[in-house]
Structure formats: structure tokens, C-alpha cells
Amino acid sequence: MGDVLYIGDKGTLMGHRLIPEARMKDLKQPPKVLPRSPGHYKEWVDACRGGPPAGSNFVDHAGLLTEMCLLGNAALCAQKPLLWDGPNMKIINDQQANRHLHREYRQGWTL
């Protein structure tokens, strides 16, 4: 089946369904508070053309999410919890782990 089973104090969630099924029938849809997307690519093109920022724009959302995922990778490589100094963009409790944050560029290809 491949679903994940979450067992909590107030119920059980299997995949995207509450169980038992009677609990699912009692569920009300949350109100729609975010504007509906015309599609990821159209949002991106519209934003590039000066329209409203895309729902997953880099500054407000995507950059922070990417940062979190990549730090998880660095922690896996370091095999220990890491403390992150976001404003300075560095790991503060393991200087060796900082090497996972950047790569050494070939001569002539530096930023």
C-alpha cells in the first residue's frame, strides 16, 4: 500500500485519510485563504514579467525551504546535530561541517 500511518492523541491518519472512515465523514474542508494558482510555470513567468510574486518565490518561501533541506544533508554527512547561524550562513558548532556548504570551483569558474 505504501501509505504512512500517523497515530496521534486525537486520531489516526493513513495517507491522506482519517480512520476510521466515520471520522473522515465528519471532517469539514478548511476555508480557502490563499489565491488559487494558475500553475507553477505560469506563476513564475508572470512574476518574471513584473506580475505578483510566485507563491513559491525564492525570498519568502523557496529559499528558506531549500536551506533547511540542504542543512539536513550537511547534518547527515557530519553524522550529528548542527547549529546554524542563518544570518552569517555558517554552521557554528562544527567548523569541518561547513565544507559541505560550498564546493571548490575550478580555476576561472569562481563566483
N, C-alpha and C. Protein backbone atom coordinates (compact mmCIF):
# COMPACT_ATOMS: atom_id res chain seq x y z
N MET A 1 0.82 -1.18 0.00
CA MET A 1 0.00 0.00 0.00
C MET A 1 0.87 1.26 0.00
N GLY A 2 1.94 1.29 0.78
CA GLY A 2 2.88 2.39 0.72
C GLY A 2 2.50 3.64 1.48
N ASP A 3 1.38 3.64 2.20
CA ASP A 3 0.98 4.83 2.95
C ASP A 3 1.72 4.92 4.27
N VAL A 4 1.76 6.13 4.80
CA VAL A 4 2.32 6.37 6.12
C VAL A 4 1.16 6.41 7.11
N LEU A 5 1.36 5.83 8.27
CA LEU A 5 0.34 5.80 9.31
C LEU A 5 0.79 6.68 10.47
N TYR A 6 0.02 7.75 10.72
CA TYR A 6 0.30 8.64 11.85
C TYR A 6 -0.73 8.36 12.93
N ILE A 7 -0.26 8.02 14.13
CA ILE A 7 -1.16 7.74 15.24
C ILE A 7 -0.98 8.85 16.26
N GLY A 8 -2.06 9.61 16.50
CA GLY A 8 -1.99 10.74 17.41
C GLY A 8 -2.96 10.61 18.56
N ASP A 9 -2.94 11.57 19.43
CA ASP A 9 -3.84 11.57 20.59
C ASP A 9 -5.30 11.76 20.19
N LYS A 10 -5.55 12.46 19.08
CA LYS A 10 -6.92 12.76 18.67
C LYS A 10 -7.38 11.97 17.47
N GLY A 11 -6.57 11.08 16.95
CA GLY A 11 -6.99 10.30 15.80
C GLY A 11 -5.82 9.66 15.09
N THR A 12 -6.15 8.97 14.00
CA THR A 12 -5.15 8.28 13.19
C THR A 12 -5.31 8.73 11.74
N LEU A 13 -4.19 8.97 11.09
CA LEU A 13 -4.18 9.41 9.71
C LEU A 13 -3.40 8.39 8.90
N MET A 14 -4.05 7.85 7.85
CA MET A 14 -3.39 6.90 6.97
C MET A 14 -3.37 7.52 5.58
N GLY A 15 -2.16 7.87 5.12
CA GLY A 15 -2.06 8.59 3.86
C GLY A 15 -2.69 9.96 4.04
N HIS A 16 -3.75 10.23 3.32
CA HIS A 16 -4.48 11.50 3.45
C HIS A 16 -5.89 11.30 4.01
N ARG A 17 -6.14 10.15 4.65
CA ARG A 17 -7.48 9.83 5.17
C ARG A 17 -7.44 9.61 6.68
N LEU A 18 -8.45 10.15 7.35
CA LEU A 18 -8.63 9.85 8.77
C LEU A 18 -9.28 8.49 8.89
N ILE A 19 -8.88 7.71 9.87
CA ILE A 19 -9.54 6.43 10.13
C ILE A 19 -9.96 6.39 11.59
N PRO A 20 -11.08 5.77 11.90
CA PRO A 20 -12.00 5.07 11.00
C PRO A 20 -12.70 6.05 10.05
N GLU A 21 -13.32 5.53 9.01
CA GLU A 21 -13.94 6.33 7.96
C GLU A 21 -14.99 7.30 8.51
N ALA A 22 -15.64 6.96 9.61
CA ALA A 22 -16.64 7.86 10.21
C ALA A 22 -15.99 9.19 10.59
N ARG A 23 -14.74 9.18 11.04
CA ARG A 23 -14.03 10.41 11.37
C ARG A 23 -13.81 11.26 10.12
N MET A 24 -13.56 10.62 8.99
CA MET A 24 -13.34 11.34 7.74
C MET A 24 -14.61 12.04 7.29
N LYS A 25 -15.75 11.39 7.50
CA LYS A 25 -17.03 11.98 7.08
C LYS A 25 -17.36 13.23 7.90
N ASP A 26 -16.89 13.30 9.14
CA ASP A 26 -17.15 14.46 9.99
C ASP A 26 -16.23 15.64 9.66
N LEU A 27 -15.21 15.40 8.88
CA LEU A 27 -14.21 16.43 8.58
C LEU A 27 -14.79 17.50 7.66
N LYS A 28 -14.58 18.76 8.01
CA LYS A 28 -15.01 19.89 7.19
C LYS A 28 -13.77 20.44 6.46
N GLN A 29 -13.97 20.87 5.24
CA GLN A 29 -12.87 21.47 4.48
C GLN A 29 -12.51 22.82 5.10
N PRO A 30 -11.22 23.12 5.22
CA PRO A 30 -10.82 24.44 5.74
C PRO A 30 -11.16 25.52 4.72
N PRO A 31 -11.35 26.75 5.19
CA PRO A 31 -11.64 27.83 4.23
C PRO A 31 -10.43 28.09 3.33
N LYS A 32 -10.72 28.48 2.10
CA LYS A 32 -9.65 28.79 1.15
C LYS A 32 -9.21 30.23 1.41
N VAL A 33 -7.98 30.40 1.90
CA VAL A 33 -7.48 31.73 2.22
C VAL A 33 -6.36 32.17 1.28
N LEU A 34 -5.79 31.25 0.53
CA LEU A 34 -4.74 31.59 -0.42
C LEU A 34 -5.33 31.64 -1.83
N PRO A 35 -4.83 32.55 -2.65
CA PRO A 35 -5.33 32.59 -4.03
C PRO A 35 -4.99 31.29 -4.76
N ARG A 36 -5.87 30.86 -5.62
CA ARG A 36 -5.64 29.65 -6.40
C ARG A 36 -4.54 29.92 -7.44
N SER A 37 -3.71 28.94 -7.66
CA SER A 37 -2.59 29.07 -8.58
C SER A 37 -3.03 28.75 -10.00
N PRO A 38 -2.59 29.56 -10.97
CA PRO A 38 -2.84 29.21 -12.37
C PRO A 38 -1.88 28.14 -12.86
N GLY A 39 -0.94 27.75 -12.01
CA GLY A 39 0.07 26.75 -12.36
C GLY A 39 1.46 27.29 -12.05
N HIS A 40 2.33 26.41 -11.62
CA HIS A 40 3.67 26.80 -11.18
C HIS A 40 4.42 27.59 -12.25
N TYR A 41 4.42 27.10 -13.48
CA TYR A 41 5.20 27.74 -14.53
C TYR A 41 4.61 29.09 -14.92
N LYS A 42 3.27 29.18 -14.99
CA LYS A 42 2.64 30.46 -15.33
C LYS A 42 2.90 31.48 -14.23
N GLU A 43 2.83 31.07 -12.97
CA GLU A 43 3.15 31.99 -11.87
C GLU A 43 4.56 32.52 -12.02
N TRP A 44 5.50 31.64 -12.35
CA TRP A 44 6.90 32.02 -12.47
C TRP A 44 7.09 33.01 -13.62
N VAL A 45 6.51 32.72 -14.78
CA VAL A 45 6.65 33.61 -15.93
C VAL A 45 6.00 34.95 -15.64
N ASP A 46 4.82 34.94 -15.04
CA ASP A 46 4.14 36.19 -14.70
C ASP A 46 4.99 37.03 -13.74
N ALA A 47 5.61 36.38 -12.76
CA ALA A 47 6.47 37.09 -11.81
C ALA A 47 7.69 37.68 -12.52
N CYS A 48 8.27 36.93 -13.45
CA CYS A 48 9.41 37.43 -14.22
C CYS A 48 9.04 38.65 -15.04
N ARG A 49 7.79 38.71 -15.46
CA ARG A 49 7.32 39.83 -16.28
C ARG A 49 6.81 41.00 -15.44
N GLY A 50 7.05 40.95 -14.13
CA GLY A 50 6.67 42.07 -13.28
C GLY A 50 5.34 41.91 -12.57
N GLY A 51 4.72 40.75 -12.70
CA GLY A 51 3.45 40.50 -12.02
C GLY A 51 3.67 40.20 -10.55
N PRO A 52 2.66 39.69 -9.88
CA PRO A 52 2.81 39.38 -8.46
C PRO A 52 3.83 38.27 -8.24
N PRO A 53 4.48 38.26 -7.08
CA PRO A 53 5.46 37.19 -6.81
C PRO A 53 4.78 35.82 -6.87
N ALA A 54 5.52 34.84 -7.33
CA ALA A 54 5.00 33.48 -7.38
C ALA A 54 4.76 32.98 -5.95
N GLY A 55 3.83 32.07 -5.79
CA GLY A 55 3.51 31.53 -4.47
C GLY A 55 4.70 30.88 -3.80
N SER A 56 5.64 30.39 -4.58
CA SER A 56 6.85 29.77 -4.02
C SER A 56 8.07 30.62 -4.33
N ASN A 57 7.90 31.94 -4.24
CA ASN A 57 9.02 32.81 -4.59
C ASN A 57 10.20 32.56 -3.66
N PHE A 58 11.39 32.82 -4.18
CA PHE A 58 12.62 32.45 -3.50
C PHE A 58 12.79 33.15 -2.16
N VAL A 59 12.51 34.44 -2.10
CA VAL A 59 12.78 35.22 -0.90
C VAL A 59 11.88 34.81 0.27
N ASP A 60 10.60 34.64 0.02
CA ASP A 60 9.66 34.38 1.10
C ASP A 60 9.49 32.91 1.45
N HIS A 61 9.81 32.03 0.53
CA HIS A 61 9.46 30.64 0.77
C HIS A 61 10.53 29.65 0.31
N ALA A 62 10.79 29.62 -0.97
CA ALA A 62 11.61 28.56 -1.56
C ALA A 62 13.04 28.57 -1.04
N GLY A 63 13.62 29.75 -0.85
CA GLY A 63 14.99 29.82 -0.37
C GLY A 63 15.15 29.23 1.02
N LEU A 64 14.20 29.55 1.91
CA LEU A 64 14.26 29.03 3.28
C LEU A 64 14.04 27.52 3.31
N LEU A 65 13.13 27.05 2.48
CA LEU A 65 12.88 25.61 2.42
C LEU A 65 14.10 24.86 1.88
N THR A 66 14.72 25.41 0.85
CA THR A 66 15.93 24.80 0.29
C THR A 66 17.05 24.79 1.32
N GLU A 67 17.20 25.90 2.05
CA GLU A 67 18.23 25.99 3.09
C GLU A 67 18.05 24.88 4.12
N MET A 68 16.81 24.66 4.55
CA MET A 68 16.54 23.64 5.56
C MET A 68 16.90 22.24 5.03
N CYS A 69 16.52 21.95 3.80
CA CYS A 69 16.81 20.63 3.22
C CYS A 69 18.30 20.40 3.07
N LEU A 70 19.02 21.41 2.59
CA LEU A 70 20.46 21.25 2.40
C LEU A 70 21.20 21.14 3.73
N LEU A 71 20.70 21.83 4.76
CA LEU A 71 21.32 21.69 6.08
C LEU A 71 21.09 20.28 6.64
N GLY A 72 19.95 19.69 6.32
CA GLY A 72 19.71 18.31 6.71
C GLY A 72 20.73 17.38 6.08
N ASN A 73 21.05 17.64 4.81
CA ASN A 73 22.08 16.85 4.14
C ASN A 73 23.44 17.02 4.81
N ALA A 74 23.77 18.27 5.18
CA ALA A 74 25.05 18.52 5.85
C ALA A 74 25.10 17.79 7.20
N ALA A 75 23.98 17.77 7.93
CA ALA A 75 23.93 17.07 9.21
C ALA A 75 24.10 15.56 9.02
N LEU A 76 23.53 15.03 7.94
CA LEU A 76 23.71 13.60 7.65
C LEU A 76 25.18 13.29 7.37
N CYS A 77 25.82 14.16 6.61
CA CYS A 77 27.25 13.96 6.31
C CYS A 77 28.09 14.07 7.58
N ALA A 78 27.75 15.02 8.44
CA ALA A 78 28.51 15.22 9.68
C ALA A 78 28.16 14.17 10.73
N GLN A 79 27.04 13.50 10.56
CA GLN A 79 26.54 12.47 11.48
C GLN A 79 26.33 12.99 12.89
N LYS A 80 25.80 14.24 12.98
CA LYS A 80 25.48 14.80 14.28
C LYS A 80 24.61 16.04 14.09
N PRO A 81 23.91 16.47 15.13
CA PRO A 81 23.12 17.71 15.03
C PRO A 81 24.04 18.91 14.82
N LEU A 82 23.59 19.85 14.00
CA LEU A 82 24.40 21.03 13.72
C LEU A 82 23.64 22.28 14.14
N LEU A 83 24.37 23.28 14.61
CA LEU A 83 23.78 24.57 14.97
C LEU A 83 24.05 25.55 13.84
N TRP A 84 22.98 26.18 13.33
CA TRP A 84 23.07 27.03 12.15
C TRP A 84 22.94 28.49 12.51
N ASP A 85 23.85 29.31 12.01
CA ASP A 85 23.78 30.76 12.12
C ASP A 85 23.30 31.27 10.77
N GLY A 86 21.99 31.44 10.65
CA GLY A 86 21.39 31.81 9.38
C GLY A 86 21.88 33.13 8.80
N PRO A 87 21.89 34.22 9.61
CA PRO A 87 22.34 35.49 9.03
C PRO A 87 23.77 35.45 8.49
N ASN A 88 24.63 34.66 9.12
CA ASN A 88 26.02 34.56 8.65
C ASN A 88 26.26 33.35 7.76
N MET A 89 25.21 32.54 7.54
CA MET A 89 25.27 31.39 6.64
C MET A 89 26.41 30.44 6.97
N LYS A 90 26.50 30.04 8.26
CA LYS A 90 27.54 29.06 8.61
C LYS A 90 27.09 28.20 9.79
N ILE A 91 27.69 27.04 9.87
CA ILE A 91 27.48 26.12 10.98
C ILE A 91 28.43 26.54 12.09
N ILE A 92 27.91 26.67 13.32
CA ILE A 92 28.75 27.22 14.38
C ILE A 92 29.29 26.19 15.37
N ASN A 93 28.78 24.98 15.35
CA ASN A 93 29.29 24.00 16.31
C ASN A 93 30.20 22.94 15.70
N ASP A 94 30.49 23.04 14.40
CA ASP A 94 31.39 22.08 13.75
C ASP A 94 31.97 22.74 12.50
N GLN A 95 33.15 23.30 12.64
CA GLN A 95 33.77 24.02 11.51
C GLN A 95 34.01 23.11 10.32
N GLN A 96 34.30 21.84 10.55
CA GLN A 96 34.52 20.89 9.46
C GLN A 96 33.25 20.70 8.64
N ALA A 97 32.09 20.76 9.29
CA ALA A 97 30.82 20.55 8.57
C ALA A 97 30.54 21.67 7.58
N ASN A 98 31.14 22.84 7.78
CA ASN A 98 30.94 23.94 6.84
C ASN A 98 31.44 23.61 5.43
N ARG A 99 32.33 22.64 5.32
CA ARG A 99 32.83 22.28 3.99
C ARG A 99 31.72 21.68 3.12
N HIS A 100 30.64 21.20 3.74
CA HIS A 100 29.52 20.64 2.98
C HIS A 100 28.62 21.72 2.39
N LEU A 101 28.86 22.97 2.76
CA LEU A 101 28.00 24.05 2.31
C LEU A 101 28.44 24.67 0.99
N HIS A 102 29.68 24.48 0.62
CA HIS A 102 30.23 25.10 -0.59
C HIS A 102 31.09 24.08 -1.31
N ARG A 103 31.30 24.33 -2.56
CA ARG A 103 32.23 23.48 -3.30
C ARG A 103 33.39 24.31 -3.78
N GLU A 104 34.51 23.66 -4.01
CA GLU A 104 35.68 24.35 -4.54
C GLU A 104 35.54 24.41 -6.05
N TYR A 105 35.54 25.61 -6.60
CA TYR A 105 35.36 25.79 -8.03
C TYR A 105 36.70 25.64 -8.76
N ARG A 106 36.60 25.17 -10.00
CA ARG A 106 37.79 25.09 -10.84
C ARG A 106 38.29 26.50 -11.15
N GLN A 107 39.57 26.60 -11.45
CA GLN A 107 40.18 27.88 -11.80
C GLN A 107 39.40 28.53 -12.95
N GLY A 108 39.05 29.80 -12.77
CA GLY A 108 38.32 30.53 -13.81
C GLY A 108 36.81 30.41 -13.71
N TRP A 109 36.31 29.62 -12.75
CA TRP A 109 34.86 29.42 -12.62
C TRP A 109 34.36 29.85 -11.23
N THR A 110 35.09 30.73 -10.58
CA THR A 110 34.68 31.16 -9.24
C THR A 110 33.58 32.22 -9.32
N LEU A 111 32.89 32.35 -8.22
CA LEU A 111 31.83 33.36 -8.13
C LEU A 111 32.33 34.60 -7.46
